[in-house]
Amino acid sequence: MEIGCNLPDSFKITLPVNIDDRGYFCINAKINNEYDMDFIIDTKAISLAKEEDIKKINSNYLGMSPLSTRNMYGQKEKFPLYYFDSFEIPPLKFNNPSFFSISSTNHLHDMMYKNILGVNLLKHLQWKFSIDDRQMILFDNNNASLLNEETEGFLKIENGLRDNNIILSYPFETEHNHFTLDLGFLGEISINNESFRKINQHFPYKKILTDRAASIDTTYVFEGLEIKINDINVPNCQLIYSTKINRNLIGAKIMHRFNFILAYSYYKKETSSEHLFIQSVKNFNSLTFEPYVNKFGFQIRKIEDGLIISHIEIGGMAEIAGLKIRDKVLSVDNKRFDTKTESNKEEDFFTYLANKNKTEILIERNNEIIKFQLILNQSKTNMEGAHIG
């Protein structure tokens, strides 16, 4: 079956839900009958692919798009546009879908650890994410009876896939705040400056230096708040404020707590709609946020050649000891935590440290090797800064 032609009204396929190690919702596609590739599902982006992947896959050049952004040198850079001869989510085939190519000089390149399946392709279908059943159901977006069947028991948010159409309220107020669903935002809830000014009068927060590939940002983190999304109370949430983002967003990780449907109506343009349907998962009340940093006040991220320090809590144990953003991690606890394996992920590090009261980190910085020892339950952090080698 091919998108670009009329799908039968009864079209419906069921796939496993694919949530990757970081928490993004993903989908696997077969390109040109040869390459299998995971794409992040992003409700607020166009479809994007890294330049090196575009070239490797033997794509077709369409021309330069009118869209532009600034590259890492501050120059305006337009996006080349390509399409693939074949792009399939079996048994579904997209008819010559277009992707914008992102070059290595563009700041988006280093932020994209996977390519993006954006709204230009999403809007051709309806997408049901059944977290309880670990299933994703794709079905025709021109069949009202099928949509009614799939959305039974769900709360409808009218045009909730459009900007600022989701209502969110904080525990200390009754007024409505308008948010946008963005599955390309990895966190739970992002708030703008106005929301931050309201919340910080009522709740404490952590200040965390965050590596965002192209820059280092200070992120303000509220943890354990109960919020309301439309008519659903959501306990134990994490809200962040970043000046780099400065938007009210509902992110991918909060959507782990819901079965939800992206209900695009595309073909009837005069009555087109973009509704969001949500339903609490079965273990909803037991779910909680993932800590932004570990109990020692830092976090790691995997890069191509190893691990780096990606987050540092300002005033936390790691910062007091002297660890810095982008330090390269050589070993943890004399290699008892494996920093080399391909399966290593950030969640593994949280789990590894969960029951530990001390840890030893060996890092490389400016061609120097430094060892740090972090110990909990002491009035001061015990730190060794001996240069080795």
Protein backbone atom coordinates (compact mmCIF):
# COMPACT_ATOMS: atom_id res chain seq x y z
CA MET A 1 0.00 0.00 0.00
CA GLU A 2 1.34 3.39 -0.96
CA ILE A 3 0.83 6.83 0.56
CA GLY A 4 0.40 9.38 -2.17
CA CYS A 5 -2.39 7.23 -3.57
CA ASN A 6 -5.70 6.76 -1.79
CA LEU A 7 -5.44 4.24 1.02
CA PRO A 8 -8.46 2.01 1.60
CA ASP A 9 -10.71 3.30 4.39
CA SER A 10 -10.09 0.08 6.29
CA PHE A 11 -6.29 0.52 6.27
CA LYS A 12 -4.78 -0.35 9.64
CA ILE A 13 -1.44 -1.87 10.65
CA THR A 14 -0.04 -2.74 14.07
CA LEU A 15 3.65 -2.37 14.98
CA PRO A 16 5.58 -2.62 18.25
CA VAL A 17 5.98 0.64 20.15
CA ASN A 18 9.60 1.71 19.70
CA ILE A 19 10.93 3.88 22.55
CA ASP A 20 14.70 4.20 22.33
CA ASP A 21 17.31 4.33 25.11
CA ARG A 22 16.94 8.08 25.54
CA GLY A 23 13.15 8.01 25.64
CA TYR A 24 12.24 9.19 22.13
CA PHE A 25 9.38 7.58 20.22
CA CYS A 26 10.94 6.10 17.08
CA ILE A 27 9.98 4.16 13.99
CA ASN A 28 12.07 1.93 11.75
CA ALA A 29 11.98 2.48 8.00
CA LYS A 30 13.52 0.63 5.08
CA ILE A 31 15.05 2.97 2.51
CA ASN A 32 15.73 2.09 -1.13
CA ASN A 33 15.05 -1.57 -0.26
CA GLU A 34 18.45 -1.74 1.41
CA TYR A 35 18.97 0.47 4.46
CA ASP A 36 17.16 -0.01 7.77
CA MET A 37 17.15 3.15 9.86
CA ASP A 38 15.43 4.37 13.04
CA PHE A 39 13.78 7.79 12.89
CA ILE A 40 12.66 9.93 15.84
CA ILE A 41 8.96 10.80 15.54
CA ASP A 42 8.76 14.59 15.89
CA THR A 43 5.39 16.35 15.88
CA LYS A 44 6.83 19.87 15.51
CA ALA A 45 9.55 19.37 12.88
CA ILE A 46 9.82 18.68 9.19
CA SER A 47 11.58 15.48 8.15
CA LEU A 48 15.35 15.86 8.50
CA ALA A 49 18.35 13.66 7.70
CA LYS A 50 22.06 14.18 8.19
CA GLU A 51 23.98 15.02 5.03
CA GLU A 52 26.21 11.94 5.33
CA ASP A 53 23.18 9.64 5.53
CA ILE A 54 21.53 11.35 2.56
CA LYS A 55 24.66 10.71 0.45
CA LYS A 56 25.14 7.14 1.68
CA ILE A 57 21.61 6.15 0.73
CA ASN A 58 21.78 7.41 -2.85
CA SER A 59 18.98 9.98 -2.74
CA ASN A 60 17.61 12.35 -5.35
CA TYR A 61 18.21 16.12 -5.18
CA LEU A 62 15.11 18.31 -5.43
CA GLY A 63 16.62 21.76 -4.90
CA MET A 64 17.18 24.28 -2.12
CA SER A 65 14.37 24.99 0.29
CA PRO A 66 13.40 28.57 1.22
CA LEU A 67 14.00 27.63 4.88
CA SER A 68 17.29 28.72 6.40
CA THR A 69 19.10 28.67 9.72
CA ARG A 70 22.46 29.92 10.94
CA ASN A 71 25.37 27.49 10.89
CA MET A 72 28.09 27.24 13.54
CA TYR A 73 29.95 30.14 11.91
CA GLY A 74 26.96 32.47 12.20
CA GLN A 75 26.24 32.38 8.48
CA LYS A 76 22.77 31.80 7.05
CA GLU A 77 22.49 28.33 5.58
CA LYS A 78 19.63 26.95 3.48
CA PHE A 79 18.53 23.32 3.52
CA PRO A 80 19.00 21.16 0.40
CA LEU A 81 15.94 19.00 -0.21
CA TYR A 82 16.14 15.32 -1.25
CA TYR A 83 13.82 12.37 -1.74
CA PHE A 84 14.37 8.61 -1.68
CA ASP A 85 13.28 6.24 -4.43
CA SER A 86 11.75 4.01 -1.77
CA PHE A 87 10.79 4.70 1.85
CA GLU A 88 8.81 1.99 3.60
CA ILE A 89 7.33 1.24 6.98
CA PRO A 90 6.29 -2.25 5.86
CA PRO A 91 3.75 -2.90 4.50
CA LEU A 92 3.31 0.84 3.96
CA LYS A 93 5.26 2.69 1.29
CA PHE A 94 5.56 6.48 1.16
CA ASN A 95 5.53 7.99 -2.31
CA ASN A 96 8.86 9.84 -2.74
CA PRO A 97 8.90 11.58 0.67
CA SER A 98 11.18 14.60 0.95
CA PHE A 99 13.84 15.17 3.63
CA PHE A 100 15.87 18.27 4.40
CA SER A 101 19.62 17.62 4.47
CA ILE A 102 21.52 18.88 7.54
CA SER A 103 25.21 19.56 6.98
CA SER A 104 27.97 19.08 9.56
CA THR A 105 28.37 22.88 9.84
CA ASN A 106 24.75 23.36 10.94
CA HIS A 107 24.13 23.51 14.69
CA LEU A 108 21.25 21.04 14.27
CA HIS A 109 23.66 18.34 13.07
CA ASP A 110 25.27 17.64 16.43
CA MET A 111 21.88 17.79 18.18
CA MET A 112 20.48 15.06 15.91
CA TYR A 113 21.69 11.72 17.14
CA LYS A 114 19.04 10.14 14.88
CA ASN A 115 17.26 11.39 11.79
CA ILE A 116 13.75 12.86 12.07
CA LEU A 117 10.38 11.73 10.75
CA GLY A 118 8.46 14.98 10.78
CA VAL A 119 4.95 16.30 10.43
CA ASN A 120 5.08 16.42 6.60
CA LEU A 121 4.90 12.60 6.71
CA LEU A 122 3.00 12.11 9.97
CA LYS A 123 -0.05 14.01 8.71
CA HIS A 124 -0.83 11.36 6.08
CA LEU A 125 -1.97 8.91 8.79
CA GLN A 126 -3.41 8.60 12.27
CA TRP A 127 -0.94 7.29 14.86
CA LYS A 128 -2.06 5.44 17.97
CA PHE A 129 0.55 4.79 20.66
CA SER A 130 -0.79 2.12 23.03
CA ILE A 131 1.83 2.10 25.77
CA ASP A 132 -0.14 -0.44 27.82
CA ASP A 133 -0.14 -2.94 24.94
CA ARG A 134 3.33 -1.96 23.65
CA GLN A 135 1.76 -1.39 20.25
CA MET A 136 1.65 1.39 17.70
CA ILE A 137 -1.31 1.36 15.32
CA LEU A 138 -1.27 3.31 12.06
CA PHE A 139 -4.59 3.79 10.29
CA ASP A 140 -6.31 5.81 7.59
CA ASN A 141 -7.04 9.43 8.47
CA ASN A 142 -10.22 9.64 6.41
CA ASN A 143 -12.28 7.07 8.30
CA ALA A 144 -14.41 8.57 11.09
CA SER A 145 -15.84 5.25 12.29
CA LEU A 146 -12.37 3.71 12.66
CA LEU A 147 -11.20 6.78 14.59
CA ASN A 148 -14.23 6.54 16.91
CA GLU A 149 -13.43 2.89 17.54
CA GLU A 150 -9.75 3.53 18.33
CA THR A 151 -10.41 6.55 20.56
CA GLU A 152 -13.05 4.98 22.81
CA GLY A 153 -12.22 5.84 26.43
CA PHE A 154 -9.77 8.61 25.46
CA LEU A 155 -9.93 12.30 26.34
CA LYS A 156 -10.11 14.44 23.20
CA ILE A 157 -8.02 17.62 23.06
CA GLU A 158 -9.46 19.65 20.21
CA ASN A 159 -6.71 20.41 17.67
CA GLY A 160 -4.20 19.44 20.36
CA LEU A 161 -1.49 18.85 17.76
CA ARG A 162 -1.46 22.53 16.86
CA ASP A 163 0.54 25.10 18.77
CA ASN A 164 -0.64 26.19 22.24
CA ASN A 165 -3.84 24.12 22.27
CA ILE A 166 -3.10 21.92 25.31
CA ILE A 167 -4.24 23.36 28.65
CA LEU A 168 -1.91 22.93 31.62
CA SER A 169 -2.32 24.32 35.13
CA TYR A 170 -0.01 24.41 38.13
CA PRO A 171 -0.99 23.34 41.69
CA PHE A 172 -1.11 26.89 43.08
CA GLU A 173 -3.38 28.43 40.42
CA THR A 174 -6.57 27.83 38.47
CA GLU A 175 -5.78 29.90 35.38
CA HIS A 176 -4.95 28.11 32.14
CA ASN A 177 -1.53 27.97 30.51
CA HIS A 178 -1.24 26.97 26.86
CA PHE A 179 1.24 24.28 25.81
CA THR A 180 2.33 22.54 22.60
CA LEU A 181 2.92 18.79 22.16
CA ASP A 182 6.47 18.30 20.85
CA LEU A 183 7.65 14.68 20.69
CA GLY A 184 11.03 16.01 19.55
CA PHE A 185 11.53 17.55 23.01
CA LEU A 186 12.93 14.76 25.16
CA GLY A 187 11.99 16.04 28.61
CA GLU A 188 8.66 15.93 30.44
CA ILE A 189 7.54 19.58 30.56
CA SER A 190 9.35 22.66 29.28
CA ILE A 191 8.15 26.05 30.55
CA ASN A 192 8.71 29.56 29.26
CA ASN A 193 9.98 32.59 31.17
CA GLU A 194 6.49 33.68 32.24
CA SER A 195 5.73 30.26 33.73
CA PHE A 196 9.14 30.15 35.42
CA ARG A 197 8.48 33.47 37.17
CA LYS A 198 5.19 32.09 38.53
CA ILE A 199 6.51 28.72 39.71
CA ASN A 200 9.78 29.79 41.33
CA GLN A 201 7.81 31.82 43.89
CA HIS A 202 6.25 28.60 45.19
CA PHE A 203 8.71 25.75 44.64
CA PRO A 204 12.49 25.22 44.95
CA TYR A 205 14.54 24.33 41.90
CA LYS A 206 17.96 23.06 40.90
CA LYS A 207 20.28 25.00 38.59
CA ILE A 208 22.06 22.66 36.20
CA LEU A 209 24.67 23.40 33.56
CA THR A 210 23.62 21.47 30.47
CA ASP A 211 25.64 20.61 27.37
CA ARG A 212 23.42 21.15 24.32
CA ALA A 213 26.07 20.21 21.74
CA ALA A 214 26.30 23.69 20.20
CA SER A 215 26.34 25.56 23.53
CA ILE A 216 26.25 25.23 27.31
CA ASP A 217 23.02 26.34 28.93
CA THR A 218 21.77 26.80 32.50
CA THR A 219 18.63 24.72 33.07
CA TYR A 220 16.30 25.34 36.01
CA VAL A 221 14.68 22.10 37.16
CA PHE A 222 11.54 21.64 39.30
CA GLU A 223 10.92 18.07 40.47
CA GLY A 224 7.94 16.30 42.03
CA LEU A 225 5.20 18.76 41.02
CA GLU A 226 1.60 17.72 40.36
CA ILE A 227 0.17 19.41 37.29
CA LYS A 228 -3.08 19.12 35.38
CA ILE A 229 -3.13 18.47 31.62
CA ASN A 230 -6.61 19.43 30.46
CA ASP A 231 -8.75 17.36 32.89
CA ILE A 232 -6.10 14.85 34.01
CA ASN A 233 -4.04 15.34 37.19
CA VAL A 234 -0.45 14.19 36.59
CA PRO A 235 1.62 13.60 39.78
CA ASN A 236 5.39 13.67 40.30
CA CYS A 237 6.36 15.67 37.22
CA GLN A 238 9.59 17.35 36.20
CA LEU A 239 9.44 20.86 34.74
CA ILE A 240 12.45 22.60 33.22
CA TYR A 241 13.12 26.17 32.20
CA SER A 242 15.87 26.84 29.67
CA THR A 243 16.50 30.23 28.09
CA LYS A 244 17.56 28.39 24.92
CA ILE A 245 14.14 26.73 24.63
CA ASN A 246 11.89 29.25 26.45
CA ARG A 247 8.68 27.56 25.32
CA ASN A 248 5.75 25.80 26.94
CA LEU A 249 6.13 22.24 25.65
CA ILE A 250 4.72 18.81 26.47
CA GLY A 251 7.63 16.45 25.77
CA ALA A 252 8.21 12.82 24.85
CA LYS A 253 8.87 11.57 28.39
CA ILE A 254 5.59 12.80 29.86
CA MET A 255 3.81 10.98 27.02
CA HIS A 256 5.23 7.69 28.36
CA ARG A 257 2.46 8.04 30.95
CA PHE A 258 -0.33 8.03 28.37
CA ASN A 259 -1.80 5.98 25.60
CA PHE A 260 -2.28 8.64 22.95
CA ILE A 261 -3.40 9.21 19.36
CA LEU A 262 -2.10 11.74 16.85
CA ALA A 263 -5.31 12.20 14.85
CA TYR A 264 -4.48 14.08 11.68
CA SER A 265 -7.24 14.76 9.14
CA TYR A 266 -5.39 15.70 5.97
CA TYR A 267 -7.28 14.93 2.80
CA LYS A 268 -10.39 17.02 3.54
CA LYS A 269 -8.56 20.33 3.70
CA GLU A 270 -11.71 22.39 4.22
CA THR A 271 -12.41 20.50 7.46
CA SER A 272 -8.85 19.45 8.35
CA SER A 273 -8.11 18.86 12.02
CA GLU A 274 -5.20 17.82 14.19
CA HIS A 275 -6.72 16.40 17.35
CA LEU A 276 -4.85 14.77 20.23
CA PHE A 277 -6.46 11.97 22.26
CA ILE A 278 -4.96 10.86 25.59
CA GLN A 279 -5.68 8.13 28.13
CA SER A 280 -3.79 7.42 31.36
CA VAL A 281 -1.79 4.17 31.29
CA LYS A 282 -2.67 1.42 33.77
CA ASN A 283 0.21 2.15 36.16
CA PHE A 284 -0.23 5.92 35.81
CA ASN A 285 -0.26 6.78 39.54
CA SER A 286 2.99 4.91 40.25
CA LEU A 287 5.01 6.67 37.55
CA THR A 288 7.41 9.51 38.30
CA PHE A 289 10.03 11.70 36.65
CA GLU A 290 13.57 10.60 35.83
CA PRO A 291 16.16 12.64 37.79
CA TYR A 292 17.93 15.25 35.68
CA VAL A 293 21.27 14.47 37.36
CA ASN A 294 22.39 11.61 39.63
CA LYS A 295 22.72 12.00 43.41
CA PHE A 296 26.36 13.08 43.04
CA GLY A 297 25.20 16.09 41.00
CA PHE A 298 26.20 15.25 37.44
CA GLN A 299 25.26 13.13 34.45
CA ILE A 300 27.00 11.59 31.44
CA ARG A 301 26.17 11.34 27.76
CA LYS A 302 27.44 8.93 25.15
CA ILE A 303 29.23 10.45 22.16
CA GLU A 304 30.94 8.75 19.21
CA ASP A 305 34.24 8.08 20.98
CA GLY A 306 33.06 7.50 24.54
CA LEU A 307 31.32 9.36 27.36
CA ILE A 308 31.40 12.98 28.47
CA ILE A 309 30.10 14.91 31.49
CA SER A 310 26.90 16.41 30.05
CA HIS A 311 25.19 17.92 33.15
CA ILE A 312 26.57 19.52 36.32
CA GLU A 313 24.37 20.72 39.19
CA ILE A 314 25.48 24.18 40.27
CA GLY A 315 26.45 23.96 43.92
CA GLY A 316 26.25 20.16 43.81
CA MET A 317 28.90 17.69 44.87
CA ALA A 318 30.42 17.19 41.42
CA GLU A 319 30.85 20.92 40.78
CA ILE A 320 32.37 21.51 44.22
CA ALA A 321 34.82 18.70 43.54
CA GLY A 322 35.86 20.30 40.24
CA LEU A 323 34.21 18.23 37.51
CA LYS A 324 33.34 20.28 34.43
CA ILE A 325 30.95 20.04 31.50
CA ARG A 326 32.46 18.14 28.54
CA ASP A 327 35.14 16.39 30.60
CA LYS A 328 35.78 13.09 28.83
CA VAL A 329 35.08 10.13 31.12
CA LEU A 330 37.87 7.54 30.94
CA SER A 331 36.71 5.21 33.71
CA VAL A 332 34.30 4.92 36.62
CA ASP A 333 35.30 3.08 39.82
CA ASN A 334 38.40 1.58 38.22
CA LYS A 335 36.37 0.27 35.24
CA ARG A 336 33.69 -1.43 37.33
CA PHE A 337 31.20 0.58 35.28
CA ASP A 338 31.85 -0.22 31.61
CA THR A 339 32.24 3.03 29.63
CA LYS A 340 33.09 1.27 26.37
CA THR A 341 30.23 -1.07 25.54
CA GLU A 342 27.91 -0.14 22.67
CA SER A 343 24.84 -0.93 24.78
CA ASN A 344 25.87 1.55 27.47
CA LYS A 345 23.29 4.28 28.06
CA GLU A 346 22.61 7.09 30.50
CA GLU A 347 19.96 5.10 32.38
CA ASP A 348 22.58 2.39 33.09
CA PHE A 349 24.68 4.97 34.90
CA PHE A 350 21.77 6.05 37.13
CA THR A 351 21.13 2.39 37.98
CA TYR A 352 24.82 1.71 38.65
CA LEU A 353 25.09 4.62 41.12
CA ALA A 354 21.71 4.05 42.80
CA ASN A 355 23.05 2.17 45.83
CA LYS A 356 26.51 3.70 46.02
CA ASN A 357 27.70 6.23 48.58
CA LYS A 358 30.94 6.99 46.77
CA THR A 359 32.31 6.89 43.25
CA GLU A 360 35.64 7.56 41.58
CA ILE A 361 35.71 9.26 38.18
CA LEU A 362 38.79 9.39 35.93
CA ILE A 363 38.50 12.12 33.30
CA GLU A 364 40.55 13.73 30.54
CA ARG A 365 40.59 17.52 30.18
CA ASN A 366 42.91 19.52 27.93
CA ASN A 367 45.18 16.46 27.54
CA GLU A 368 45.44 16.04 31.32
CA ILE A 369 44.10 13.05 33.22
CA ILE A 370 42.47 13.84 36.58
CA LYS A 371 40.88 11.59 39.20
CA PHE A 372 37.93 12.68 41.33
CA GLN A 373 36.47 10.87 44.31
CA LEU A 374 32.92 11.81 45.35
CA ILE A 375 31.61 10.64 48.73
CA LEU A 376 28.09 11.09 50.09
CA ASN A 377 27.13 11.62 53.73
CA GLN A 378 30.08 13.86 54.53
CA SER A 379 30.01 17.57 55.26
CA LYS A 380 32.49 18.19 52.46
CA THR A 381 33.21 16.36 49.24
CA ASN A 382 36.39 14.34 49.28
CA MET A 383 38.17 15.09 46.02
CA GLU A 384 41.45 13.93 44.61
CA GLY A 385 42.81 16.00 41.76
CA ALA A 386 46.05 14.17 41.21
CA HIS A 387 47.36 14.26 37.64
CA ILE A 388 48.15 10.77 36.39
CA GLY A 389 50.51 9.76 33.65
